[in-house]
Amino acid sequence: MEQRYHALRTIGTIYRVMGYIVLVLTILAVIAICGVSIISGTALESASQQFGFNSSGSGLAGGLFGGLIASIFAILYGGFVALSLVALGEGVYILISIEENTRKTALIIDNQNKITPTETQP
């Protein structure tokens, strides 16, 4: 059987690819958030020591804690967006499959009716 709906298949593929790209970018963003939070926490601690404040490691701990919180939100939001895009692409494909199966079923029923006509009762 011929493939129909080339544009819909392309749209479904684009949504799935965009979902995977968002997932990869989310993972990279989480790694960047963790790295930046550690660097900024260390920089804050050294700056506070230069001005005479005794921070006793709170800059690094605060940077880690803030980075952890930001990373959790980034994972949740990015994961939700990525999952939604992949699901939208799969939804397009499932609608195409439903249409193809319905068309095949209609052809089979039509061929059966042509081969064996139903008899009417008097």
C-alpha atoms as a PDB file:
ATOM      1  CA  MET A   1       0.000   0.000   0.000  1.00  0.00           C
ATOM      2  CA  GLU A   2       1.219   3.470  -0.786  1.00  0.00           C
ATOM      3  CA  GLN A   3       2.308   5.796   1.964  1.00  0.00           C
ATOM      4  CA  ARG A   4       0.058   8.794   2.390  1.00  0.00           C
ATOM      5  CA  TYR A   5       0.335  11.978   4.395  1.00  0.00           C
ATOM      6  CA  HIS A   6       3.987  12.782   3.745  1.00  0.00           C
ATOM      7  CA  ALA A   7       3.630  16.227   5.298  1.00  0.00           C
ATOM      8  CA  LEU A   8       2.159  14.801   8.512  1.00  0.00           C
ATOM      9  CA  ARG A   9       4.934  12.233   8.732  1.00  0.00           C
ATOM     10  CA  THR A  10       7.482  15.033   8.325  1.00  0.00           C
ATOM     11  CA  ILE A  11       5.783  17.102  11.027  1.00  0.00           C
ATOM     12  CA  GLY A  12       5.733  14.116  13.392  1.00  0.00           C
ATOM     13  CA  THR A  13       9.424  13.492  12.782  1.00  0.00           C
ATOM     14  CA  ILE A  14      10.253  17.165  13.348  1.00  0.00           C
ATOM     15  CA  TYR A  15       8.443  17.150  16.696  1.00  0.00           C
ATOM     16  CA  ARG A  16      10.237  13.989  17.802  1.00  0.00           C
ATOM     17  CA  VAL A  17      13.647  15.357  16.777  1.00  0.00           C
ATOM     18  CA  MET A  18      12.907  18.645  18.551  1.00  0.00           C
ATOM     19  CA  GLY A  19      12.002  16.683  21.683  1.00  0.00           C
ATOM     20  CA  TYR A  20      15.315  14.843  21.663  1.00  0.00           C
ATOM     21  CA  ILE A  21      17.206  18.089  21.016  1.00  0.00           C
ATOM     22  CA  VAL A  22      15.458  19.719  24.001  1.00  0.00           C
ATOM     23  CA  LEU A  23      16.374  16.702  26.126  1.00  0.00           C
ATOM     24  CA  VAL A  24      20.060  16.968  25.198  1.00  0.00           C
ATOM     25  CA  LEU A  25      20.040  20.743  25.780  1.00  0.00           C
ATOM     26  CA  THR A  26      18.394  20.197  29.173  1.00  0.00           C
ATOM     27  CA  ILE A  27      21.132  17.789  30.206  1.00  0.00           C
ATOM     28  CA  LEU A  28      23.811  20.240  29.052  1.00  0.00           C
ATOM     29  CA  ALA A  29      22.059  23.075  30.902  1.00  0.00           C
ATOM     30  CA  VAL A  30      21.959  21.059  34.133  1.00  0.00           C
ATOM     31  CA  ILE A  31      25.676  20.337  33.851  1.00  0.00           C
ATOM     32  CA  ALA A  32      26.327  24.041  33.202  1.00  0.00           C
ATOM     33  CA  ILE A  33      24.154  25.089  36.147  1.00  0.00           C
ATOM     34  CA  CYS A  34      26.062  22.761  38.469  1.00  0.00           C
ATOM     35  CA  GLY A  35      29.426  24.027  37.218  1.00  0.00           C
ATOM     36  CA  VAL A  36      28.496  27.694  37.403  1.00  0.00           C
ATOM     37  CA  SER A  37      27.015  27.317  40.879  1.00  0.00           C
ATOM     38  CA  ILE A  38      30.206  25.706  42.197  1.00  0.00           C
ATOM     39  CA  ILE A  39      32.372  28.380  40.581  1.00  0.00           C
ATOM     40  CA  SER A  40      30.179  31.226  41.824  1.00  0.00           C
ATOM     41  CA  GLY A  41      30.023  29.763  45.329  1.00  0.00           C
ATOM     42  CA  THR A  42      33.797  29.525  45.455  1.00  0.00           C
ATOM     43  CA  ALA A  43      34.166  33.059  44.070  1.00  0.00           C
ATOM     44  CA  LEU A  44      31.701  34.388  46.641  1.00  0.00           C
ATOM     45  CA  GLU A  45      33.606  32.698  49.441  1.00  0.00           C
ATOM     46  CA  SER A  46      36.960  34.089  48.322  1.00  0.00           C
ATOM     47  CA  ALA A  47      35.495  37.579  47.864  1.00  0.00           C
ATOM     48  CA  SER A  48      33.994  37.514  51.337  1.00  0.00           C
ATOM     49  CA  GLN A  49      37.344  36.472  52.810  1.00  0.00           C
ATOM     50  CA  GLN A  50      39.067  39.378  51.032  1.00  0.00           C
ATOM     51  CA  PHE A  51      36.694  41.833  52.677  1.00  0.00           C
ATOM     52  CA  GLY A  52      37.266  40.313  56.114  1.00  0.00           C
ATOM     53  CA  PHE A  53      34.150  38.188  56.519  1.00  0.00           C
ATOM     54  CA  ASN A  54      34.671  34.727  57.943  1.00  0.00           C
ATOM     55  CA  SER A  55      32.317  32.621  55.841  1.00  0.00           C
ATOM     56  CA  SER A  56      33.657  29.205  56.908  1.00  0.00           C
ATOM     57  CA  GLY A  57      32.684  27.481  53.641  1.00  0.00           C
ATOM     58  CA  SER A  58      29.153  28.834  53.378  1.00  0.00           C
ATOM     59  CA  GLY A  59      29.797  30.285  49.901  1.00  0.00           C
ATOM     60  CA  LEU A  60      30.635  26.908  48.412  1.00  0.00           C
ATOM     61  CA  ALA A  61      27.790  25.176  50.287  1.00  0.00           C
ATOM     62  CA  GLY A  62      25.332  27.882  49.243  1.00  0.00           C
ATOM     63  CA  GLY A  63      26.477  27.598  45.651  1.00  0.00           C
ATOM     64  CA  LEU A  64      26.025  23.836  45.712  1.00  0.00           C
ATOM     65  CA  PHE A  65      22.598  24.085  47.325  1.00  0.00           C
ATOM     66  CA  GLY A  66      21.427  26.777  44.904  1.00  0.00           C
ATOM     67  CA  GLY A  67      22.798  24.815  41.955  1.00  0.00           C
ATOM     68  CA  LEU A  68      21.035  21.676  43.147  1.00  0.00           C
ATOM     69  CA  ILE A  69      17.693  23.467  43.430  1.00  0.00           C
ATOM     70  CA  ALA A  70      18.106  25.139  40.022  1.00  0.00           C
ATOM     71  CA  SER A  71      19.163  21.820  38.467  1.00  0.00           C
ATOM     72  CA  ILE A  72      16.088  20.034  39.797  1.00  0.00           C
ATOM     73  CA  PHE A  73      13.795  22.688  38.327  1.00  0.00           C
ATOM     74  CA  ALA A  74      15.677  22.601  35.010  1.00  0.00           C
ATOM     75  CA  ILE A  75      15.413  18.808  34.821  1.00  0.00           C
ATOM     76  CA  LEU A  76      11.689  18.861  35.600  1.00  0.00           C
ATOM     77  CA  TYR A  77      10.852  21.638  33.158  1.00  0.00           C
ATOM     78  CA  GLY A  78      13.147  20.476  30.344  1.00  0.00           C
ATOM     79  CA  GLY A  79      12.074  16.877  30.771  1.00  0.00           C
ATOM     80  CA  PHE A  80       8.413  17.864  30.608  1.00  0.00           C
ATOM     81  CA  VAL A  81       8.925  19.922  27.450  1.00  0.00           C
ATOM     82  CA  ALA A  82      11.002  17.174  25.800  1.00  0.00           C
ATOM     83  CA  LEU A  83       8.476  14.496  26.724  1.00  0.00           C
ATOM     84  CA  SER A  84       5.620  16.638  25.418  1.00  0.00           C
ATOM     85  CA  LEU A  85       7.331  17.202  22.060  1.00  0.00           C
ATOM     86  CA  VAL A  86       8.160  13.506  21.595  1.00  0.00           C
ATOM     87  CA  ALA A  87       4.595  12.558  22.590  1.00  0.00           C
ATOM     88  CA  LEU A  88       3.171  15.058  20.101  1.00  0.00           C
ATOM     89  CA  GLY A  89       5.274  13.559  17.317  1.00  0.00           C
ATOM     90  CA  GLU A  90       4.222  10.049  18.297  1.00  0.00           C
ATOM     91  CA  GLY A  91       0.605  11.214  18.425  1.00  0.00           C
ATOM     92  CA  VAL A  92       0.799  12.303  14.797  1.00  0.00           C
ATOM     93  CA  TYR A  93       2.175   8.889  13.859  1.00  0.00           C
ATOM     94  CA  ILE A  94      -0.518   7.042  15.796  1.00  0.00           C
ATOM     95  CA  LEU A  95      -3.259   9.023  14.043  1.00  0.00           C
ATOM     96  CA  ILE A  96      -1.737   8.095  10.685  1.00  0.00           C
ATOM     97  CA  SER A  97      -1.609   4.430  11.744  1.00  0.00           C
ATOM     98  CA  ILE A  98      -5.253   4.493  12.840  1.00  0.00           C
ATOM     99  CA  GLU A  99      -6.250   5.908   9.459  1.00  0.00           C
ATOM    100  CA  GLU A 100      -4.218   3.270   7.591  1.00  0.00           C
ATOM    101  CA  ASN A 101      -5.709   0.422   9.631  1.00  0.00           C
ATOM    102  CA  THR A 102      -9.237   1.774   9.139  1.00  0.00           C
ATOM    103  CA  ARG A 103      -8.678   2.016   5.384  1.00  0.00           C
ATOM    104  CA  LYS A 104      -7.322  -1.560   5.236  1.00  0.00           C
ATOM    105  CA  THR A 105     -10.276  -2.857   7.223  1.00  0.00           C
ATOM    106  CA  ALA A 106     -12.735  -1.067   4.938  1.00  0.00           C
ATOM    107  CA  LEU A 107     -11.040  -2.581   1.859  1.00  0.00           C
ATOM    108  CA  ILE A 108     -11.149  -6.074   3.347  1.00  0.00           C
ATOM    109  CA  ILE A 109     -14.834  -5.752   4.238  1.00  0.00           C
ATOM    110  CA  ASP A 110     -15.596  -4.364   0.794  1.00  0.00           C
ATOM    111  CA  ASN A 111     -13.796  -7.288  -0.894  1.00  0.00           C
ATOM    112  CA  GLN A 112     -15.640  -9.815   1.289  1.00  0.00           C
ATOM    113  CA  ASN A 113     -18.986  -8.317   0.363  1.00  0.00           C
ATOM    114  CA  LYS A 114     -18.143  -8.548  -3.349  1.00  0.00           C
ATOM    115  CA  ILE A 115     -17.069 -12.200  -3.097  1.00  0.00           C
ATOM    116  CA  THR A 116     -19.866 -13.528  -0.911  1.00  0.00           C
ATOM    117  CA  PRO A 117     -23.000 -11.429  -1.132  1.00  0.00           C
ATOM    118  CA  THR A 118     -25.344 -11.742   1.778  1.00  0.00           C
ATOM    119  CA  GLU A 119     -28.618 -13.496   1.190  1.00  0.00           C
ATOM    120  CA  THR A 120     -31.807 -11.797   2.134  1.00  0.00           C
ATOM    121  CA  GLN A 121     -34.438 -13.609   4.132  1.00  0.00           C
ATOM    122  CA  PRO A 122     -38.036 -13.720   2.778  1.00  0.00           C
END
